[in-house]
Amino acid sequence: MRLYLDTSVLNRPFDDQKQPRIWLETLAFSLVLSLIEAGEAELISSPIHTLENSRSPLSVRRLWVDRCRRLATHSVTLTDTIRNRAHELVTTGQKPLDALHLACAESAGADWFLTCDDRLIRRYVGPLTVQTPPNFIFSQSTP
């Protein structure tokens, strides 16, 4: 299975772990990383990850995200088709960077798009299955 994780997921370990939802999303993200490292899932990376990560003011976050991205077995190249699809997604209410992430994931044939952004999930209309990391883990463990 192919997974695309947006930057909110990759940065979740640096958020306030005293909040139950954030702690649960971080735990689920660690399980997702285990699936990727075990070869049970394939990670997709894109230039949008690079762009967002370069804007992070904290070097420890940038290093962490880079290390996670090195686990990717697939990389997307930004094309006019992706840009056009992202523009369509913006017209449906997605933020521009979120739209680019989604368009990259669609282009790469991702099976799952994982995010911690409820707004993105609610507004997405397309072929991807978009979920939070905990919902993804729960869906994988259902018999």
N, C-alpha and C. Protein backbone atom coordinates (compact mmCIF):
# COMPACT_ATOMS: atom_id res chain seq x y z
N MET A 1 0.84 -1.18 0.00
CA MET A 1 0.00 0.00 0.00
C MET A 1 0.88 1.24 0.00
N ARG A 2 0.44 2.22 -0.74
CA ARG A 2 1.19 3.47 -0.86
C ARG A 2 0.59 4.55 0.03
N LEU A 3 1.44 5.20 0.82
CA LEU A 3 1.00 6.22 1.76
C LEU A 3 1.64 7.57 1.44
N TYR A 4 0.83 8.59 1.55
CA TYR A 4 1.33 9.97 1.46
C TYR A 4 0.98 10.63 2.78
N LEU A 5 1.98 11.10 3.49
CA LEU A 5 1.78 11.77 4.78
C LEU A 5 2.02 13.26 4.58
N ASP A 6 1.06 14.07 4.96
CA ASP A 6 1.31 15.50 4.82
C ASP A 6 2.20 15.97 5.97
N THR A 7 2.62 17.20 5.89
CA THR A 7 3.59 17.74 6.84
C THR A 7 3.05 17.80 8.27
N SER A 8 1.73 17.91 8.41
CA SER A 8 1.17 17.94 9.77
C SER A 8 1.44 16.62 10.50
N VAL A 9 1.44 15.53 9.77
CA VAL A 9 1.73 14.22 10.37
C VAL A 9 3.21 14.11 10.71
N LEU A 10 4.05 14.50 9.76
CA LEU A 10 5.50 14.38 9.96
C LEU A 10 6.00 15.22 11.14
N ASN A 11 5.30 16.31 11.41
CA ASN A 11 5.70 17.20 12.51
C ASN A 11 4.96 16.93 13.82
N ARG A 12 4.04 15.99 13.83
CA ARG A 12 3.21 15.76 15.01
C ARG A 12 4.00 15.46 16.27
N PRO A 13 5.11 14.74 16.21
CA PRO A 13 5.85 14.47 17.46
C PRO A 13 6.35 15.72 18.18
N PHE A 14 6.37 16.86 17.50
CA PHE A 14 6.87 18.09 18.10
C PHE A 14 5.76 18.96 18.69
N ASP A 15 4.53 18.52 18.55
CA ASP A 15 3.40 19.27 19.10
C ASP A 15 3.18 18.88 20.56
N ASP A 16 2.29 19.58 21.24
CA ASP A 16 2.04 19.41 22.67
C ASP A 16 1.45 18.02 22.98
N GLN A 17 2.29 17.13 23.48
CA GLN A 17 1.88 15.74 23.72
C GLN A 17 0.97 15.58 24.93
N LYS A 18 0.72 16.66 25.66
CA LYS A 18 -0.21 16.59 26.78
C LYS A 18 -1.66 16.57 26.31
N GLN A 19 -1.88 16.95 25.06
CA GLN A 19 -3.23 16.92 24.51
C GLN A 19 -3.51 15.51 23.98
N PRO A 20 -4.57 14.86 24.45
CA PRO A 20 -4.83 13.46 24.09
C PRO A 20 -4.86 13.19 22.58
N ARG A 21 -5.50 14.05 21.83
CA ARG A 21 -5.58 13.81 20.39
C ARG A 21 -4.18 13.84 19.76
N ILE A 22 -3.39 14.81 20.13
CA ILE A 22 -2.05 14.93 19.57
C ILE A 22 -1.20 13.72 19.96
N TRP A 23 -1.30 13.30 21.22
CA TRP A 23 -0.56 12.13 21.66
C TRP A 23 -0.97 10.89 20.86
N LEU A 24 -2.27 10.70 20.66
CA LEU A 24 -2.76 9.55 19.90
C LEU A 24 -2.30 9.61 18.44
N GLU A 25 -2.35 10.79 17.85
CA GLU A 25 -1.88 10.93 16.46
C GLU A 25 -0.38 10.65 16.35
N THR A 26 0.38 11.07 17.35
CA THR A 26 1.82 10.79 17.36
C THR A 26 2.08 9.30 17.49
N LEU A 27 1.35 8.65 18.38
CA LEU A 27 1.49 7.20 18.54
C LEU A 27 1.14 6.47 17.25
N ALA A 28 0.03 6.86 16.63
CA ALA A 28 -0.36 6.23 15.37
C ALA A 28 0.69 6.47 14.28
N PHE A 29 1.24 7.68 14.26
CA PHE A 29 2.30 7.99 13.29
C PHE A 29 3.50 7.06 13.49
N SER A 30 3.85 6.79 14.74
CA SER A 30 4.98 5.89 14.99
C SER A 30 4.67 4.48 14.47
N LEU A 31 3.42 4.06 14.56
CA LEU A 31 3.03 2.76 14.00
C LEU A 31 3.10 2.77 12.48
N VAL A 32 2.71 3.90 11.87
CA VAL A 32 2.82 4.05 10.41
C VAL A 32 4.28 3.94 10.00
N LEU A 33 5.16 4.62 10.73
CA LEU A 33 6.60 4.52 10.42
C LEU A 33 7.08 3.07 10.53
N SER A 34 6.58 2.34 11.50
CA SER A 34 6.95 0.93 11.65
C SER A 34 6.52 0.12 10.43
N LEU A 35 5.32 0.39 9.92
CA LEU A 35 4.86 -0.31 8.71
C LEU A 35 5.75 0.00 7.52
N ILE A 36 6.16 1.25 7.41
CA ILE A 36 7.02 1.66 6.30
C ILE A 36 8.39 1.00 6.43
N GLU A 37 8.97 1.06 7.62
CA GLU A 37 10.29 0.46 7.84
C GLU A 37 10.27 -1.05 7.63
N ALA A 38 9.14 -1.70 7.91
CA ALA A 38 9.03 -3.14 7.74
C ALA A 38 8.72 -3.53 6.29
N GLY A 39 8.51 -2.53 5.44
CA GLY A 39 8.21 -2.82 4.03
C GLY A 39 6.76 -3.18 3.78
N GLU A 40 5.91 -2.98 4.76
CA GLU A 40 4.49 -3.29 4.60
C GLU A 40 3.72 -2.13 3.99
N ALA A 41 4.34 -0.97 3.91
CA ALA A 41 3.76 0.20 3.28
C ALA A 41 4.88 0.97 2.60
N GLU A 42 4.52 1.69 1.54
CA GLU A 42 5.49 2.49 0.80
C GLU A 42 5.16 3.96 1.00
N LEU A 43 6.18 4.74 1.31
CA LEU A 43 6.00 6.16 1.54
C LEU A 43 6.27 6.94 0.26
N ILE A 44 5.44 7.95 0.01
CA ILE A 44 5.59 8.83 -1.14
C ILE A 44 6.04 10.20 -0.64
N SER A 45 7.01 10.78 -1.33
CA SER A 45 7.52 12.10 -0.99
C SER A 45 7.30 13.04 -2.18
N SER A 46 7.24 14.34 -1.88
CA SER A 46 7.04 15.32 -2.95
C SER A 46 7.84 16.58 -2.68
N PRO A 47 7.97 17.42 -3.70
CA PRO A 47 8.66 18.70 -3.49
C PRO A 47 7.92 19.62 -2.51
N ILE A 48 6.65 19.37 -2.27
CA ILE A 48 5.89 20.20 -1.32
C ILE A 48 6.39 19.92 0.09
N HIS A 49 6.77 18.68 0.37
CA HIS A 49 7.39 18.37 1.66
C HIS A 49 8.67 19.19 1.84
N THR A 50 9.48 19.22 0.80
CA THR A 50 10.74 19.96 0.85
C THR A 50 10.48 21.44 1.11
N LEU A 51 9.52 22.00 0.39
CA LEU A 51 9.19 23.41 0.54
C LEU A 51 8.74 23.73 1.96
N GLU A 52 7.76 22.96 2.45
CA GLU A 52 7.25 23.23 3.80
C GLU A 52 8.32 23.01 4.86
N ASN A 53 9.10 21.96 4.69
CA ASN A 53 10.13 21.67 5.68
C ASN A 53 11.19 22.76 5.71
N SER A 54 11.51 23.34 4.58
CA SER A 54 12.53 24.40 4.54
C SER A 54 12.06 25.65 5.28
N ARG A 55 10.76 25.78 5.47
CA ARG A 55 10.21 26.94 6.17
C ARG A 55 10.16 26.77 7.68
N SER A 56 10.46 25.56 8.16
CA SER A 56 10.41 25.31 9.60
C SER A 56 11.54 26.06 10.30
N PRO A 57 11.22 26.81 11.35
CA PRO A 57 12.26 27.57 12.04
C PRO A 57 13.16 26.71 12.94
N LEU A 58 12.73 25.50 13.24
CA LEU A 58 13.49 24.65 14.16
C LEU A 58 14.30 23.59 13.40
N SER A 59 15.59 23.61 13.58
CA SER A 59 16.45 22.66 12.86
C SER A 59 16.14 21.21 13.23
N VAL A 60 15.78 20.96 14.50
CA VAL A 60 15.49 19.58 14.91
C VAL A 60 14.27 19.05 14.15
N ARG A 61 13.28 19.89 13.93
CA ARG A 61 12.12 19.47 13.13
C ARG A 61 12.53 19.19 11.69
N ARG A 62 13.32 20.09 11.12
CA ARG A 62 13.75 19.90 9.72
C ARG A 62 14.52 18.60 9.57
N LEU A 63 15.42 18.33 10.51
CA LEU A 63 16.20 17.08 10.45
C LEU A 63 15.30 15.86 10.58
N TRP A 64 14.34 15.91 11.50
CA TRP A 64 13.40 14.80 11.70
C TRP A 64 12.61 14.53 10.42
N VAL A 65 12.03 15.57 9.84
CA VAL A 65 11.23 15.39 8.63
C VAL A 65 12.10 14.86 7.49
N ASP A 66 13.30 15.38 7.34
CA ASP A 66 14.21 14.86 6.31
C ASP A 66 14.50 13.39 6.51
N ARG A 67 14.71 13.02 7.77
CA ARG A 67 15.00 11.61 8.07
C ARG A 67 13.80 10.72 7.71
N CYS A 68 12.61 11.17 8.04
CA CYS A 68 11.40 10.41 7.70
C CYS A 68 11.24 10.31 6.19
N ARG A 69 11.48 11.42 5.49
CA ARG A 69 11.32 11.44 4.04
C ARG A 69 12.30 10.52 3.33
N ARG A 70 13.43 10.26 3.95
CA ARG A 70 14.40 9.33 3.35
C ARG A 70 13.86 7.90 3.28
N LEU A 71 12.81 7.64 4.02
CA LEU A 71 12.17 6.31 3.96
C LEU A 71 11.30 6.16 2.71
N ALA A 72 11.08 7.24 2.00
CA ALA A 72 10.21 7.20 0.82
C ALA A 72 10.82 6.34 -0.28
N THR A 73 9.97 5.52 -0.86
CA THR A 73 10.39 4.70 -2.00
C THR A 73 9.89 5.29 -3.32
N HIS A 74 9.04 6.31 -3.21
CA HIS A 74 8.50 6.98 -4.40
C HIS A 74 8.60 8.48 -4.19
N SER A 75 8.93 9.17 -5.26
CA SER A 75 9.03 10.62 -5.21
C SER A 75 8.26 11.21 -6.39
N VAL A 76 7.51 12.25 -6.12
CA VAL A 76 6.69 12.90 -7.14
C VAL A 76 7.47 14.09 -7.69
N THR A 77 7.37 14.28 -9.00
CA THR A 77 7.91 15.46 -9.64
C THR A 77 6.75 16.39 -9.93
N LEU A 78 6.90 17.65 -9.59
CA LEU A 78 5.84 18.63 -9.81
C LEU A 78 5.68 18.87 -11.31
N THR A 79 4.45 18.70 -11.80
CA THR A 79 4.15 18.88 -13.22
C THR A 79 3.00 19.88 -13.38
N ASP A 80 2.77 20.28 -14.61
CA ASP A 80 1.62 21.16 -14.88
C ASP A 80 0.31 20.47 -14.55
N THR A 81 0.23 19.18 -14.77
CA THR A 81 -0.98 18.42 -14.44
C THR A 81 -1.27 18.50 -12.94
N ILE A 82 -0.21 18.35 -12.14
CA ILE A 82 -0.37 18.44 -10.68
C ILE A 82 -0.76 19.85 -10.28
N ARG A 83 -0.12 20.84 -10.87
CA ARG A 83 -0.47 22.23 -10.56
C ARG A 83 -1.93 22.54 -10.92
N ASN A 84 -2.37 22.04 -12.07
CA ASN A 84 -3.76 22.27 -12.49
C ASN A 84 -4.75 21.58 -11.54
N ARG A 85 -4.43 20.36 -11.14
CA ARG A 85 -5.30 19.65 -10.19
C ARG A 85 -5.33 20.39 -8.85
N ALA A 86 -4.18 20.89 -8.43
CA ALA A 86 -4.13 21.64 -7.17
C ALA A 86 -5.01 22.88 -7.27
N HIS A 87 -4.98 23.54 -8.41
CA HIS A 87 -5.83 24.72 -8.60
C HIS A 87 -7.31 24.34 -8.47
N GLU A 88 -7.70 23.20 -9.04
CA GLU A 88 -9.08 22.71 -8.91
C GLU A 88 -9.43 22.49 -7.43
N LEU A 89 -8.50 21.90 -6.70
CA LEU A 89 -8.74 21.62 -5.28
C LEU A 89 -8.86 22.90 -4.47
N VAL A 90 -8.12 23.93 -4.84
CA VAL A 90 -8.23 25.22 -4.16
C VAL A 90 -9.64 25.79 -4.35
N THR A 91 -10.22 25.59 -5.52
CA THR A 91 -11.57 26.10 -5.77
C THR A 91 -12.62 25.37 -4.94
N THR A 92 -12.26 24.20 -4.37
CA THR A 92 -13.20 23.47 -3.51
C THR A 92 -12.99 23.81 -2.04
N GLY A 93 -12.07 24.74 -1.77
CA GLY A 93 -11.86 25.18 -0.40
C GLY A 93 -10.57 24.71 0.25
N GLN A 94 -9.74 23.97 -0.48
CA GLN A 94 -8.46 23.55 0.10
C GLN A 94 -7.49 24.72 0.10
N LYS A 95 -6.62 24.74 1.09
CA LYS A 95 -5.54 25.72 1.12
C LYS A 95 -4.53 25.34 0.04
N PRO A 96 -3.81 26.32 -0.53
CA PRO A 96 -2.91 26.03 -1.65
C PRO A 96 -1.88 24.92 -1.39
N LEU A 97 -1.19 24.95 -0.26
CA LEU A 97 -0.20 23.89 -0.01
C LEU A 97 -0.87 22.54 0.21
N ASP A 98 -2.01 22.53 0.88
CA ASP A 98 -2.75 21.28 1.06
C ASP A 98 -3.18 20.73 -0.30
N ALA A 99 -3.64 21.62 -1.17
CA ALA A 99 -4.07 21.21 -2.51
C ALA A 99 -2.90 20.61 -3.28
N LEU A 100 -1.73 21.20 -3.15
CA LEU A 100 -0.55 20.63 -3.83
C LEU A 100 -0.19 19.26 -3.27
N HIS A 101 -0.24 19.10 -1.94
CA HIS A 101 0.01 17.78 -1.35
C HIS A 101 -0.99 16.75 -1.91
N LEU A 102 -2.26 17.11 -1.91
CA LEU A 102 -3.29 16.18 -2.39
C LEU A 102 -3.08 15.84 -3.87
N ALA A 103 -2.79 16.83 -4.68
CA ALA A 103 -2.57 16.60 -6.11
C ALA A 103 -1.34 15.71 -6.34
N CYS A 104 -0.30 15.91 -5.56
CA CYS A 104 0.88 15.05 -5.66
C CYS A 104 0.54 13.61 -5.28
N ALA A 105 -0.22 13.45 -4.21
CA ALA A 105 -0.61 12.11 -3.76
C ALA A 105 -1.46 11.41 -4.82
N GLU A 106 -2.41 12.14 -5.40
CA GLU A 106 -3.24 11.57 -6.46
C GLU A 106 -2.36 11.14 -7.64
N SER A 107 -1.45 12.01 -8.05
CA SER A 107 -0.59 11.73 -9.19
C SER A 107 0.29 10.50 -8.96
N ALA A 108 0.73 10.31 -7.73
CA ALA A 108 1.61 9.19 -7.40
C ALA A 108 0.85 7.88 -7.19
N GLY A 109 -0.47 7.94 -7.22
CA GLY A 109 -1.26 6.73 -7.01
C GLY A 109 -1.30 6.27 -5.57
N ALA A 110 -1.29 7.22 -4.65
CA ALA A 110 -1.36 6.87 -3.23
C ALA A 110 -2.68 6.17 -2.92
N ASP A 111 -2.62 5.21 -2.04
CA ASP A 111 -3.83 4.54 -1.57
C ASP A 111 -4.44 5.30 -0.40
N TRP A 112 -3.57 5.93 0.39
CA TRP A 112 -3.99 6.64 1.59
C TRP A 112 -3.26 7.97 1.67
N PHE A 113 -3.98 8.98 2.11
CA PHE A 113 -3.40 10.29 2.40
C PHE A 113 -3.66 10.52 3.87
N LEU A 114 -2.59 10.65 4.66
CA LEU A 114 -2.75 10.83 6.10
C LEU A 114 -2.45 12.27 6.48
N THR A 115 -3.32 12.83 7.30
CA THR A 115 -3.20 14.21 7.74
C THR A 115 -3.78 14.35 9.14
N CYS A 116 -3.38 15.39 9.83
CA CYS A 116 -3.97 15.74 11.13
C CYS A 116 -4.92 16.92 10.98
N ASP A 117 -5.22 17.30 9.76
CA ASP A 117 -6.00 18.48 9.43
C ASP A 117 -7.46 18.11 9.14
N ASP A 118 -8.33 18.34 10.11
CA ASP A 118 -9.75 17.99 9.94
C ASP A 118 -10.39 18.76 8.78
N ARG A 119 -10.00 20.00 8.62
CA ARG A 119 -10.57 20.83 7.55
C ARG A 119 -10.24 20.23 6.18
N LEU A 120 -9.00 19.81 6.00
CA LEU A 120 -8.60 19.18 4.75
C LEU A 120 -9.45 17.94 4.50
N ILE A 121 -9.63 17.13 5.51
CA ILE A 121 -10.41 15.89 5.38
C ILE A 121 -11.84 16.20 4.96
N ARG A 122 -12.46 17.16 5.63
CA ARG A 122 -13.87 17.50 5.34
C ARG A 122 -14.06 18.02 3.92
N ARG A 123 -13.09 18.77 3.42
CA ARG A 123 -13.27 19.44 2.13
C ARG A 123 -12.76 18.66 0.93
N TYR A 124 -12.07 17.57 1.17
CA TYR A 124 -11.50 16.83 0.04
C TYR A 124 -12.54 16.03 -0.71
N VAL A 125 -12.52 16.19 -2.03
CA VAL A 125 -13.34 15.37 -2.93
C VAL A 125 -12.40 14.84 -3.99
N GLY A 126 -12.21 13.54 -4.00
CA GLY A 126 -11.31 12.94 -4.97
C GLY A 126 -11.14 11.46 -4.71
N PRO A 127 -10.21 10.84 -5.42
CA PRO A 127 -10.06 9.38 -5.36
C PRO A 127 -9.31 8.84 -4.13
N LEU A 128 -8.65 9.71 -3.38
CA LEU A 128 -7.86 9.24 -2.24
C LEU A 128 -8.72 8.92 -1.03
N THR A 129 -8.26 7.99 -0.23
CA THR A 129 -8.82 7.80 1.10
C THR A 129 -8.00 8.69 2.03
N VAL A 130 -8.65 9.71 2.60
CA VAL A 130 -7.98 10.70 3.43
C VAL A 130 -8.42 10.49 4.87
N GLN A 131 -7.44 10.24 5.75
CA GLN A 131 -7.76 9.97 7.15
C GLN A 131 -6.67 10.50 8.08
N THR A 132 -7.01 10.55 9.35
CA THR A 132 -6.01 10.84 10.37
C THR A 132 -5.19 9.56 10.60
N PRO A 133 -3.98 9.69 11.13
CA PRO A 133 -3.19 8.48 11.41
C PRO A 133 -3.91 7.45 12.31
N PRO A 134 -4.59 7.87 13.40
CA PRO A 134 -5.28 6.85 14.20
C PRO A 134 -6.37 6.12 13.42
N ASN A 135 -7.14 6.85 12.63
CA ASN A 135 -8.20 6.18 11.85
C ASN A 135 -7.60 5.21 10.84
N PHE A 136 -6.47 5.57 10.26
CA PHE A 136 -5.79 4.66 9.35
C PHE A 136 -5.37 3.39 10.08
N ILE A 137 -4.74 3.53 11.24
CA ILE A 137 -4.30 2.35 12.00
C ILE A 137 -5.50 1.50 12.39
N PHE A 138 -6.58 2.14 12.86
CA PHE A 138 -7.77 1.37 13.22
C PHE A 138 -8.33 0.61 12.02
N SER A 139 -8.32 1.23 10.86
CA SER A 139 -8.85 0.59 9.65
C SER A 139 -7.99 -0.61 9.22
N GLN A 140 -6.71 -0.56 9.53
CA GLN A 140 -5.81 -1.66 9.17
C GLN A 140 -5.92 -2.83 10.12
N SER A 141 -6.42 -2.60 11.31
CA SER A 141 -6.48 -3.68 12.30
C SER A 141 -7.85 -4.32 12.39
N THR A 142 -8.79 -3.84 11.57
CA THR A 142 -10.14 -4.41 11.58
C THR A 142 -10.12 -5.73 10.81
N PRO A 143 -10.64 -6.81 11.43
CA PRO A 143 -10.64 -8.11 10.74
C PRO A 143 -11.58 -8.16 9.56
